[in-house]
């Protein structure tokens, strides 16, 4: 879907109440609502669709939620 601030966004539901969010994507054409995906499968490409983060250039906005509450991912990628 297209979030008004984060641009093209994909949300994935995982086991045990986790949900991951990938935003600032190039388009919403790769992901399909309701589709099952496997580890390593392409769900989108980095773009510049996030109006709220346009000054940062192209990058992936990632967030992790547990039962609807934001949590720190167990890793950091730089």
Protein backbone atom coordinates (compact mmCIF):
# COMPACT_ATOMS: atom_id res chain seq x y z
CA UNK A 1 0.00 0.00 0.00
CA UNK A 2 1.06 3.64 -0.26
CA UNK A 3 1.47 5.29 3.12
CA UNK A 4 1.12 9.11 2.95
CA UNK A 5 4.44 9.62 4.79
CA UNK A 6 6.46 6.43 4.29
CA UNK A 7 5.58 5.85 0.63
CA UNK A 8 5.14 2.39 -0.83
CA UNK A 9 5.02 -0.03 2.09
CA UNK A 10 4.90 -3.79 2.58
CA UNK A 11 3.85 -5.34 5.92
CA UNK A 12 4.50 -8.99 6.62
CA UNK A 13 2.85 -11.02 9.36
CA UNK A 14 5.10 -13.59 11.05
CA UNK A 15 4.64 -16.29 13.67
CA UNK A 16 4.21 -15.46 17.35
CA UNK A 17 2.62 -12.04 16.76
CA UNK A 18 5.52 -10.39 14.92
CA UNK A 19 5.00 -8.04 11.98
CA UNK A 20 7.71 -6.43 9.85
CA UNK A 21 7.36 -3.23 7.83
CA UNK A 22 9.40 -2.28 4.77
CA UNK A 23 8.79 1.26 3.47
CA UNK A 24 10.20 3.77 1.02
CA UNK A 25 9.92 1.23 -1.78
CA UNK A 26 10.03 1.96 -5.49
CA UNK A 27 6.50 0.69 -6.12
CA UNK A 28 3.86 -1.68 -4.82
CA UNK A 29 3.88 -3.85 -7.94
CA UNK A 30 6.00 -6.73 -6.61
CA UNK A 31 4.05 -7.59 -3.44
CA UNK A 32 0.53 -8.99 -3.54
CA UNK A 33 -1.93 -8.63 -0.66
CA UNK A 34 -2.47 -11.96 1.06
CA UNK A 35 0.42 -13.72 -0.68
CA UNK A 36 2.72 -15.99 1.28
CA UNK A 37 6.43 -15.26 0.96
CA UNK A 38 9.52 -17.23 1.86
CA UNK A 39 12.83 -16.08 3.31
CA UNK A 40 14.96 -14.55 0.57
CA UNK A 41 12.03 -13.80 -1.75
CA UNK A 42 11.98 -10.31 -3.28
CA UNK A 43 9.08 -8.21 -1.92
CA UNK A 44 10.15 -4.81 -3.22
CA UNK A 45 12.99 -2.56 -4.31
CA UNK A 46 14.35 0.51 -2.53
CA UNK A 47 13.05 3.76 -3.96
CA UNK A 48 12.37 7.36 -2.98
CA UNK A 49 8.62 7.22 -2.31
CA UNK A 50 8.76 8.30 1.38
CA UNK A 51 7.78 11.97 1.46
CA UNK A 52 8.56 12.22 5.19
CA UNK A 53 12.15 11.05 4.60
CA UNK A 54 12.83 12.59 1.18
CA UNK A 55 15.89 14.49 2.42
CA UNK A 56 17.61 11.18 3.25
CA UNK A 57 17.68 9.89 -0.33
CA UNK A 58 16.84 6.34 -1.35
CA UNK A 59 16.88 3.97 1.62
CA UNK A 60 14.80 1.22 3.22
CA UNK A 61 12.70 2.13 6.26
CA UNK A 62 12.39 -1.04 8.37
CA UNK A 63 10.33 -1.51 11.53
CA UNK A 64 9.47 -4.54 13.65
CA UNK A 65 6.34 -4.96 15.78
CA UNK A 66 5.30 -7.52 18.37
CA UNK A 67 1.55 -7.68 19.05
CA UNK A 68 1.20 -4.19 17.52
CA UNK A 69 3.94 -2.55 19.62
CA UNK A 70 7.20 -1.37 18.04
CA UNK A 71 10.23 -3.36 19.20
CA UNK A 72 13.95 -3.10 18.52
CA UNK A 73 15.13 -5.62 15.95
CA UNK A 74 17.66 -8.09 17.35
CA UNK A 75 20.24 -6.82 14.81
CA UNK A 76 21.45 -3.59 13.26
CA UNK A 77 22.52 -3.27 9.62
CA UNK A 78 24.75 -0.35 8.67
